[in-house]
Each structure stands twice: as C-alpha cells, then as structure tokens.
C-alpha cells in the first residue's frame, strides 16, 4: 500500500512538472511566433526617387500578372508626369507601429528631403488586418488633395478587400484611380458598391483574432493530452501488473 501511494505521489509530481513545461513551451511559442512575421521599416529595401520599383509585395498577396500590370502603369505615369507612386504590402506590423506610422517612416526613409518627397505617393497595406495608409508629397497634394488620397486608401482599396480579400482587384482599382488623378484627369471616385454585398466591419473575426483562437485551442488540447495520456498509461501499467 505504501509503495502504491509512493508511486501515485511520484506520478503526480511528474505530471505537475510535465504540465508546467508544456505550458511554458506553448506560451513562448504563441508569444514569439507572431513577431517573427512582423515587418519593420528597417527590414525594407532601400529605394530612392527615380527607382524602377513600383510594387513591393512583402505580404505576397498579389499575382505576378497584376504586379507586372500595375508596375507598367505606374512607370508610364512617372515618365509622362514625373509623379511616382509606390504600393507596398507587408505581412504584419511590429507591435509598436500603426499602419500610419509605418508608412510615414518608410516614406521618409526612401525620400528623406522635401525635394525628393515632392512628387511621391506611397500606399501601404497590412495584409493581416487589411489596414491601409497613404502619404503624398507637397506637389502631389496640389493635384491630388488629401481627401482623394485618403479615399483611395479607405475606399478604393478597402471595398475589394471587404468583398473577400480581393487584393489583385484592390491593386488594379487603386492604380487606375491614382493614375487618372495624377495625370490630371477627372477623379473616377471610389467603387460603387451595393450595401448588402459589403461585409459589415466587426461581424467577422480579424486574422489576429483567429490566430489567437487557434493557438488557445492547441494549448488546451495539448494540456489535456499531457494530463490524460500519462495517467492512462499509469493505470494501464498497474492493471497489467496486478
């Protein structure tokens, strides 16, 4: 009897240590996994006014066909008007960044002087949250007021994304509208959408929330397995011994 109680006590201590180890490992995995995919301004490649890079798809959400089409469109715009547009996607922001702060920092990294910034437009999309931001230079503002620029980011890009993460469509719509306005043509405006076809914000989980929910399920499942399996093994062993 004493030997059985000793074995049970030993197994209890073992299970406690095992559960603690599993919790620590899983907690570390959940906390560290997301930052590994975060994108900081320091990770972005160098670029300057006049560069032939027009689309930088770090989020890997746009097809090569669409990227080539938009790049050609923006290159022709630059040649004809001197106005340069860059569209950037990133996978995830650092925890201390917002899409606006990231866009401003990247804009100033690539175009550090007022002269370099004057004819520049930078549109940025975070593909985890689908948040967007836009930054323009002083000369661009005289052609494309901030109201139109913000409409491009918050409406022209967002409508296709809310209809099912249609990044290719979002890029094409944004590119067409930016080129039209920066070429001096009338603003075509944002896409016309039937209200019932647009997903209402807040009724669907964001990617971050889904990731956290999945992580929680894995943690609970593994904890249960770590508890049940050793106990079942122990009782099976005892039954076989008796």
C-alpha atoms as a PDB file:
ATOM      1  CA  UNK A   1       0.000   0.000   0.000  1.00  0.00           C
ATOM      2  CA  UNK A   2       2.806   2.403   0.910  1.00  0.00           C
ATOM      3  CA  UNK A   3       4.553   1.550  -2.352  1.00  0.00           C
ATOM      4  CA  UNK A   4       1.378   2.288  -4.314  1.00  0.00           C
ATOM      5  CA  UNK A   5       0.933   5.641  -2.564  1.00  0.00           C
ATOM      6  CA  UNK A   6       4.562   6.469  -3.255  1.00  0.00           C
ATOM      7  CA  UNK A   7       4.131   5.637  -6.954  1.00  0.00           C
ATOM      8  CA  UNK A   8       0.990   7.780  -7.148  1.00  0.00           C
ATOM      9  CA  UNK A   9       2.788  10.678  -5.459  1.00  0.00           C
ATOM     10  CA  UNK A  10       5.716  10.320  -7.860  1.00  0.00           C
ATOM     11  CA  UNK A  11       3.374  10.305 -10.846  1.00  0.00           C
ATOM     12  CA  UNK A  12       1.572  13.382  -9.511  1.00  0.00           C
ATOM     13  CA  UNK A  13       4.841  15.289  -9.218  1.00  0.00           C
ATOM     14  CA  UNK A  14       5.852  14.135 -12.669  1.00  0.00           C
ATOM     15  CA  UNK A  15       2.549  15.294 -14.178  1.00  0.00           C
ATOM     16  CA  UNK A  16       2.836  18.686 -12.497  1.00  0.00           C
ATOM     17  CA  UNK A  17       6.331  19.202 -13.895  1.00  0.00           C
ATOM     18  CA  UNK A  18       5.222  17.985 -17.320  1.00  0.00           C
ATOM     19  CA  UNK A  19       2.208  20.300 -17.407  1.00  0.00           C
ATOM     20  CA  UNK A  20       4.327  23.256 -16.345  1.00  0.00           C
ATOM     21  CA  UNK A  21       6.849  22.525 -19.094  1.00  0.00           C
ATOM     22  CA  UNK A  22       4.113  22.222 -21.726  1.00  0.00           C
ATOM     23  CA  UNK A  23       2.505  25.497 -20.643  1.00  0.00           C
ATOM     24  CA  UNK A  24       5.823  27.354 -20.748  1.00  0.00           C
ATOM     25  CA  UNK A  25       6.724  25.966 -24.175  1.00  0.00           C
ATOM     26  CA  UNK A  26       3.330  26.736 -25.697  1.00  0.00           C
ATOM     27  CA  UNK A  27       3.154  30.188 -24.132  1.00  0.00           C
ATOM     28  CA  UNK A  28       6.573  31.006 -25.560  1.00  0.00           C
ATOM     29  CA  UNK A  29       5.534  29.704 -28.974  1.00  0.00           C
ATOM     30  CA  UNK A  30       2.332  31.782 -29.041  1.00  0.00           C
ATOM     31  CA  UNK A  31       4.083  34.968 -27.917  1.00  0.00           C
ATOM     32  CA  UNK A  32       7.095  34.657 -30.204  1.00  0.00           C
ATOM     33  CA  UNK A  33       5.505  33.285 -33.387  1.00  0.00           C
ATOM     34  CA  UNK A  34       3.708  36.489 -34.467  1.00  0.00           C
ATOM     35  CA  UNK A  35       6.690  38.879 -34.075  1.00  0.00           C
ATOM     36  CA  UNK A  36       8.717  36.568 -36.298  1.00  0.00           C
ATOM     37  CA  UNK A  37       6.479  37.574 -39.187  1.00  0.00           C
ATOM     38  CA  UNK A  38       6.355  41.272 -38.317  1.00  0.00           C
ATOM     39  CA  UNK A  39       7.840  43.767 -40.748  1.00  0.00           C
ATOM     40  CA  UNK A  40       9.775  46.810 -39.568  1.00  0.00           C
ATOM     41  CA  UNK A  41      10.885  49.791 -41.628  1.00  0.00           C
ATOM     42  CA  UNK A  42      14.498  48.717 -41.059  1.00  0.00           C
ATOM     43  CA  UNK A  43      13.765  45.493 -42.978  1.00  0.00           C
ATOM     44  CA  UNK A  44      12.538  47.260 -46.085  1.00  0.00           C
ATOM     45  CA  UNK A  45      14.986  47.542 -49.003  1.00  0.00           C
ATOM     46  CA  UNK A  46      16.493  50.880 -49.913  1.00  0.00           C
ATOM     47  CA  UNK A  47      14.719  52.884 -52.573  1.00  0.00           C
ATOM     48  CA  UNK A  48      15.011  56.423 -53.936  1.00  0.00           C
ATOM     49  CA  UNK A  49      13.172  58.792 -56.232  1.00  0.00           C
ATOM     50  CA  UNK A  50      13.509  57.599 -59.813  1.00  0.00           C
ATOM     51  CA  UNK A  51      13.798  53.927 -58.802  1.00  0.00           C
ATOM     52  CA  UNK A  52      12.126  51.424 -61.125  1.00  0.00           C
ATOM     53  CA  UNK A  53      10.498  49.539 -58.226  1.00  0.00           C
ATOM     54  CA  UNK A  54       6.801  50.401 -58.123  1.00  0.00           C
ATOM     55  CA  UNK A  55       5.235  47.467 -56.283  1.00  0.00           C
ATOM     56  CA  UNK A  56       6.775  45.815 -53.220  1.00  0.00           C
ATOM     57  CA  UNK A  57       4.618  42.856 -52.242  1.00  0.00           C
ATOM     58  CA  UNK A  58       6.122  41.755 -48.920  1.00  0.00           C
ATOM     59  CA  UNK A  59       2.739  40.318 -47.933  1.00  0.00           C
ATOM     60  CA  UNK A  60       2.809  38.020 -51.000  1.00  0.00           C
ATOM     61  CA  UNK A  61      -0.853  38.552 -51.847  1.00  0.00           C
ATOM     62  CA  UNK A  62      -0.686  39.854 -55.419  1.00  0.00           C
ATOM     63  CA  UNK A  63      -0.234  37.752 -58.548  1.00  0.00           C
ATOM     64  CA  UNK A  64       2.743  38.315 -60.808  1.00  0.00           C
ATOM     65  CA  UNK A  65       0.411  39.270 -63.628  1.00  0.00           C
ATOM     66  CA  UNK A  66      -1.220  42.003 -61.554  1.00  0.00           C
ATOM     67  CA  UNK A  67       2.121  43.183 -60.199  1.00  0.00           C
ATOM     68  CA  UNK A  68       3.503  43.475 -63.729  1.00  0.00           C
ATOM     69  CA  UNK A  69       0.403  45.300 -64.948  1.00  0.00           C
ATOM     70  CA  UNK A  70       0.462  47.823 -62.089  1.00  0.00           C
ATOM     71  CA  UNK A  71       4.227  48.332 -62.382  1.00  0.00           C
ATOM     72  CA  UNK A  72       3.894  49.124 -66.098  1.00  0.00           C
ATOM     73  CA  UNK A  73       1.023  51.527 -65.385  1.00  0.00           C
ATOM     74  CA  UNK A  74       2.961  53.388 -62.682  1.00  0.00           C
ATOM     75  CA  UNK A  75       6.149  53.502 -64.735  1.00  0.00           C
ATOM     76  CA  UNK A  76       4.292  55.156 -67.628  1.00  0.00           C
ATOM     77  CA  UNK A  77       2.774  57.637 -65.174  1.00  0.00           C
ATOM     78  CA  UNK A  78       6.222  58.578 -63.893  1.00  0.00           C
ATOM     79  CA  UNK A  79       7.595  59.043 -67.416  1.00  0.00           C
ATOM     80  CA  UNK A  80       4.672  61.169 -68.566  1.00  0.00           C
ATOM     81  CA  UNK A  81       4.074  63.318 -65.482  1.00  0.00           C
ATOM     82  CA  UNK A  82       7.027  62.928 -63.112  1.00  0.00           C
ATOM     83  CA  UNK A  83       4.643  61.719 -60.405  1.00  0.00           C
ATOM     84  CA  UNK A  84       5.804  58.469 -58.803  1.00  0.00           C
ATOM     85  CA  UNK A  85       3.578  56.013 -56.934  1.00  0.00           C
ATOM     86  CA  UNK A  86       4.705  53.040 -54.837  1.00  0.00           C
ATOM     87  CA  UNK A  87       2.361  50.383 -53.474  1.00  0.00           C
ATOM     88  CA  UNK A  88       3.656  48.257 -50.603  1.00  0.00           C
ATOM     89  CA  UNK A  89       2.151  45.276 -48.803  1.00  0.00           C
ATOM     90  CA  UNK A  90       3.522  43.922 -45.542  1.00  0.00           C
ATOM     91  CA  UNK A  91       2.666  40.762 -43.630  1.00  0.00           C
ATOM     92  CA  UNK A  92       2.371  42.229 -40.150  1.00  0.00           C
ATOM     93  CA  UNK A  93       3.341  45.352 -38.213  1.00  0.00           C
ATOM     94  CA  UNK A  94       5.685  45.487 -35.245  1.00  0.00           C
ATOM     95  CA  UNK A  95       3.727  45.848 -32.002  1.00  0.00           C
ATOM     96  CA  UNK A  96       4.776  49.471 -31.504  1.00  0.00           C
ATOM     97  CA  UNK A  97       3.727  50.502 -35.034  1.00  0.00           C
ATOM     98  CA  UNK A  98       0.496  51.573 -36.677  1.00  0.00           C
ATOM     99  CA  UNK A  99      -0.001  51.444 -40.420  1.00  0.00           C
ATOM    100  CA  UNK A 100       0.190  55.253 -40.465  1.00  0.00           C
ATOM    101  CA  UNK A 101       3.467  55.459 -38.502  1.00  0.00           C
ATOM    102  CA  UNK A 102       4.993  52.705 -40.630  1.00  0.00           C
ATOM    103  CA  UNK A 103       4.007  54.486 -43.851  1.00  0.00           C
ATOM    104  CA  UNK A 104       5.390  57.821 -42.659  1.00  0.00           C
ATOM    105  CA  UNK A 105       8.690  56.279 -41.572  1.00  0.00           C
ATOM    106  CA  UNK A 106       9.074  54.361 -44.819  1.00  0.00           C
ATOM    107  CA  UNK A 107       8.221  57.450 -46.873  1.00  0.00           C
ATOM    108  CA  UNK A 108      10.874  59.459 -45.050  1.00  0.00           C
ATOM    109  CA  UNK A 109      13.416  56.643 -45.300  1.00  0.00           C
ATOM    110  CA  UNK A 110      13.016  56.384 -49.055  1.00  0.00           C
ATOM    111  CA  UNK A 111      12.623  60.122 -49.678  1.00  0.00           C
ATOM    112  CA  UNK A 112      14.498  61.950 -46.905  1.00  0.00           C
ATOM    113  CA  UNK A 113      14.328  65.510 -48.286  1.00  0.00           C
ATOM    114  CA  UNK A 114      11.381  67.769 -49.250  1.00  0.00           C
ATOM    115  CA  UNK A 115      12.685  67.813 -52.822  1.00  0.00           C
ATOM    116  CA  UNK A 116      12.730  64.021 -53.028  1.00  0.00           C
ATOM    117  CA  UNK A 117       9.278  63.773 -51.439  1.00  0.00           C
ATOM    118  CA  UNK A 118       7.564  66.374 -53.617  1.00  0.00           C
ATOM    119  CA  UNK A 119       6.274  64.114 -56.413  1.00  0.00           C
ATOM    120  CA  UNK A 120       5.944  60.903 -54.392  1.00  0.00           C
ATOM    121  CA  UNK A 121       2.935  58.841 -53.310  1.00  0.00           C
ATOM    122  CA  UNK A 122       3.213  55.816 -51.037  1.00  0.00           C
ATOM    123  CA  UNK A 123       0.272  53.470 -50.429  1.00  0.00           C
ATOM    124  CA  UNK A 124       0.734  50.744 -47.792  1.00  0.00           C
ATOM    125  CA  UNK A 125      -1.412  47.717 -46.914  1.00  0.00           C
ATOM    126  CA  UNK A 126      -1.036  45.437 -43.893  1.00  0.00           C
ATOM    127  CA  UNK A 127      -2.346  42.064 -45.095  1.00  0.00           C
ATOM    128  CA  UNK A 128      -3.055  40.710 -41.600  1.00  0.00           C
ATOM    129  CA  UNK A 129      -5.533  43.430 -40.610  1.00  0.00           C
ATOM    130  CA  UNK A 130      -6.141  44.860 -44.117  1.00  0.00           C
ATOM    131  CA  UNK A 131      -5.441  48.316 -42.707  1.00  0.00           C
ATOM    132  CA  UNK A 132      -4.185  50.919 -45.183  1.00  0.00           C
ATOM    133  CA  UNK A 133      -2.402  54.255 -45.184  1.00  0.00           C
ATOM    134  CA  UNK A 134      -1.218  56.730 -47.796  1.00  0.00           C
ATOM    135  CA  UNK A 135       1.387  59.512 -47.789  1.00  0.00           C
ATOM    136  CA  UNK A 136       1.936  62.101 -50.513  1.00  0.00           C
ATOM    137  CA  UNK A 137       4.449  64.848 -51.255  1.00  0.00           C
ATOM    138  CA  UNK A 138       3.728  68.569 -51.428  1.00  0.00           C
ATOM    139  CA  UNK A 139       3.491  68.813 -55.225  1.00  0.00           C
ATOM    140  CA  UNK A 140       1.212  65.795 -55.361  1.00  0.00           C
ATOM    141  CA  UNK A 141      -1.202  67.492 -52.945  1.00  0.00           C
ATOM    142  CA  UNK A 142      -1.801  70.267 -55.472  1.00  0.00           C
ATOM    143  CA  UNK A 143      -3.042  67.653 -57.961  1.00  0.00           C
ATOM    144  CA  UNK A 144      -4.482  65.074 -55.605  1.00  0.00           C
ATOM    145  CA  UNK A 145      -5.868  66.627 -52.379  1.00  0.00           C
ATOM    146  CA  UNK A 146      -5.640  64.687 -49.145  1.00  0.00           C
ATOM    147  CA  UNK A 147      -9.364  63.928 -49.315  1.00  0.00           C
ATOM    148  CA  UNK A 148      -8.933  61.999 -52.559  1.00  0.00           C
ATOM    149  CA  UNK A 149      -5.751  60.305 -51.342  1.00  0.00           C
ATOM    150  CA  UNK A 150      -7.495  59.115 -48.183  1.00  0.00           C
ATOM    151  CA  UNK A 151     -10.459  57.934 -50.238  1.00  0.00           C
ATOM    152  CA  UNK A 152      -8.116  55.801 -52.342  1.00  0.00           C
ATOM    153  CA  UNK A 153      -6.759  54.129 -49.196  1.00  0.00           C
ATOM    154  CA  UNK A 154     -10.010  53.805 -47.253  1.00  0.00           C
ATOM    155  CA  UNK A 155     -12.488  53.153 -50.073  1.00  0.00           C
ATOM    156  CA  UNK A 156     -10.885  52.167 -53.379  1.00  0.00           C
ATOM    157  CA  UNK A 157      -8.609  49.619 -51.708  1.00  0.00           C
ATOM    158  CA  UNK A 158     -10.926  48.565 -48.919  1.00  0.00           C
ATOM    159  CA  UNK A 159     -14.024  47.698 -50.947  1.00  0.00           C
ATOM    160  CA  UNK A 160     -12.441  44.701 -52.774  1.00  0.00           C
ATOM    161  CA  UNK A 161     -10.788  43.561 -49.542  1.00  0.00           C
ATOM    162  CA  UNK A 162     -14.115  43.566 -47.691  1.00  0.00           C
ATOM    163  CA  UNK A 163     -15.632  41.544 -50.513  1.00  0.00           C
ATOM    164  CA  UNK A 164     -13.261  38.650 -49.825  1.00  0.00           C
ATOM    165  CA  UNK A 165      -9.623  39.796 -49.686  1.00  0.00           C
ATOM    166  CA  UNK A 166      -9.506  40.574 -53.407  1.00  0.00           C
ATOM    167  CA  UNK A 167      -6.007  42.042 -53.399  1.00  0.00           C
ATOM    168  CA  UNK A 168      -5.493  41.924 -57.146  1.00  0.00           C
ATOM    169  CA  UNK A 169      -8.712  43.859 -57.697  1.00  0.00           C
ATOM    170  CA  UNK A 170      -7.759  46.318 -54.945  1.00  0.00           C
ATOM    171  CA  UNK A 171      -4.395  46.972 -56.588  1.00  0.00           C
ATOM    172  CA  UNK A 172      -5.882  47.452 -60.033  1.00  0.00           C
ATOM    173  CA  UNK A 173      -8.638  49.775 -58.803  1.00  0.00           C
ATOM    174  CA  UNK A 174      -6.181  51.853 -56.748  1.00  0.00           C
ATOM    175  CA  UNK A 175      -3.681  52.000 -59.603  1.00  0.00           C
ATOM    176  CA  UNK A 176      -6.303  53.119 -62.140  1.00  0.00           C
ATOM    177  CA  UNK A 177      -7.660  55.825 -59.845  1.00  0.00           C
ATOM    178  CA  UNK A 178      -4.231  57.146 -58.830  1.00  0.00           C
ATOM    179  CA  UNK A 179      -3.032  57.267 -62.423  1.00  0.00           C
ATOM    180  CA  UNK A 180      -6.178  59.083 -63.551  1.00  0.00           C
ATOM    181  CA  UNK A 181      -5.961  61.757 -60.846  1.00  0.00           C
ATOM    182  CA  UNK A 182      -2.179  62.230 -61.070  1.00  0.00           C
ATOM    183  CA  UNK A 183      -2.442  62.545 -64.852  1.00  0.00           C
ATOM    184  CA  UNK A 184      -4.817  65.480 -64.458  1.00  0.00           C
ATOM    185  CA  UNK A 185      -7.923  63.574 -65.453  1.00  0.00           C
ATOM    186  CA  UNK A 186     -11.222  63.754 -63.537  1.00  0.00           C
ATOM    187  CA  UNK A 187     -11.314  61.634 -60.391  1.00  0.00           C
ATOM    188  CA  UNK A 188     -13.326  58.462 -61.170  1.00  0.00           C
ATOM    189  CA  UNK A 189     -14.161  58.165 -57.466  1.00  0.00           C
ATOM    190  CA  UNK A 190     -14.369  55.061 -55.296  1.00  0.00           C
ATOM    191  CA  UNK A 191     -16.100  51.874 -56.469  1.00  0.00           C
ATOM    192  CA  UNK A 192     -19.883  51.859 -56.377  1.00  0.00           C
ATOM    193  CA  UNK A 193     -21.000  49.029 -54.130  1.00  0.00           C
ATOM    194  CA  UNK A 194     -24.392  47.664 -53.177  1.00  0.00           C
ATOM    195  CA  UNK A 195     -24.580  47.918 -49.400  1.00  0.00           C
ATOM    196  CA  UNK A 196     -25.701  44.338 -48.753  1.00  0.00           C
ATOM    197  CA  UNK A 197     -22.710  42.962 -50.659  1.00  0.00           C
ATOM    198  CA  UNK A 198     -20.192  44.589 -48.332  1.00  0.00           C
ATOM    199  CA  UNK A 199     -19.266  42.766 -45.149  1.00  0.00           C
ATOM    200  CA  UNK A 200     -20.072  44.855 -42.092  1.00  0.00           C
ATOM    201  CA  UNK A 201     -16.922  45.564 -40.088  1.00  0.00           C
ATOM    202  CA  UNK A 202     -16.971  43.877 -36.733  1.00  0.00           C
ATOM    203  CA  UNK A 203     -19.121  40.864 -37.661  1.00  0.00           C
ATOM    204  CA  UNK A 204     -16.133  38.828 -38.804  1.00  0.00           C
ATOM    205  CA  UNK A 205     -13.044  37.906 -36.848  1.00  0.00           C
ATOM    206  CA  UNK A 206      -9.805  39.513 -37.905  1.00  0.00           C
ATOM    207  CA  UNK A 207      -6.842  37.294 -38.789  1.00  0.00           C
ATOM    208  CA  UNK A 208      -5.146  38.130 -35.491  1.00  0.00           C
ATOM    209  CA  UNK A 209      -8.217  37.043 -33.523  1.00  0.00           C
ATOM    210  CA  UNK A 210      -8.449  33.807 -35.497  1.00  0.00           C
ATOM    211  CA  UNK A 211      -4.770  33.086 -34.911  1.00  0.00           C
ATOM    212  CA  UNK A 212      -5.162  33.662 -31.172  1.00  0.00           C
ATOM    213  CA  UNK A 213      -8.242  31.451 -31.039  1.00  0.00           C
ATOM    214  CA  UNK A 214      -6.441  28.635 -32.850  1.00  0.00           C
ATOM    215  CA  UNK A 215      -3.482  28.964 -30.507  1.00  0.00           C
ATOM    216  CA  UNK A 216      -5.776  28.711 -27.489  1.00  0.00           C
ATOM    217  CA  UNK A 217      -7.392  25.539 -28.838  1.00  0.00           C
ATOM    218  CA  UNK A 218      -3.964  23.970 -29.373  1.00  0.00           C
ATOM    219  CA  UNK A 219      -2.846  24.917 -25.872  1.00  0.00           C
ATOM    220  CA  UNK A 220      -5.944  23.419 -24.241  1.00  0.00           C
ATOM    221  CA  UNK A 221      -5.766  20.290 -26.384  1.00  0.00           C
ATOM    222  CA  UNK A 222      -2.121  19.647 -25.618  1.00  0.00           C
ATOM    223  CA  UNK A 223      -2.635  20.273 -21.920  1.00  0.00           C
ATOM    224  CA  UNK A 224      -5.437  17.706 -21.844  1.00  0.00           C
ATOM    225  CA  UNK A 225      -3.288  15.221 -23.754  1.00  0.00           C
ATOM    226  CA  UNK A 226      -0.340  15.838 -21.437  1.00  0.00           C
ATOM    227  CA  UNK A 227      -2.576  15.104 -18.449  1.00  0.00           C
ATOM    228  CA  UNK A 228      -4.669  12.204 -19.695  1.00  0.00           C
ATOM    229  CA  UNK A 229      -2.090  10.154 -21.590  1.00  0.00           C
ATOM    230  CA  UNK A 230       0.401   9.683 -18.680  1.00  0.00           C
ATOM    231  CA  UNK A 231      -2.436   8.871 -16.276  1.00  0.00           C
ATOM    232  CA  UNK A 232      -3.967   6.349 -18.662  1.00  0.00           C
ATOM    233  CA  UNK A 233      -0.550   4.802 -19.169  1.00  0.00           C
ATOM    234  CA  UNK A 234      -0.009   4.571 -15.431  1.00  0.00           C
ATOM    235  CA  UNK A 235      -3.347   2.880 -14.699  1.00  0.00           C
ATOM    236  CA  UNK A 236      -2.864   0.517 -17.632  1.00  0.00           C
ATOM    237  CA  UNK A 237       0.528  -0.406 -16.218  1.00  0.00           C
ATOM    238  CA  UNK A 238      -0.982  -1.005 -12.767  1.00  0.00           C
ATOM    239  CA  UNK A 239      -3.742  -3.195 -14.171  1.00  0.00           C
ATOM    240  CA  UNK A 240      -1.231  -5.257 -16.144  1.00  0.00           C
ATOM    241  CA  UNK A 241       0.981  -5.639 -13.042  1.00  0.00           C
ATOM    242  CA  UNK A 242      -1.923  -6.868 -10.929  1.00  0.00           C
END
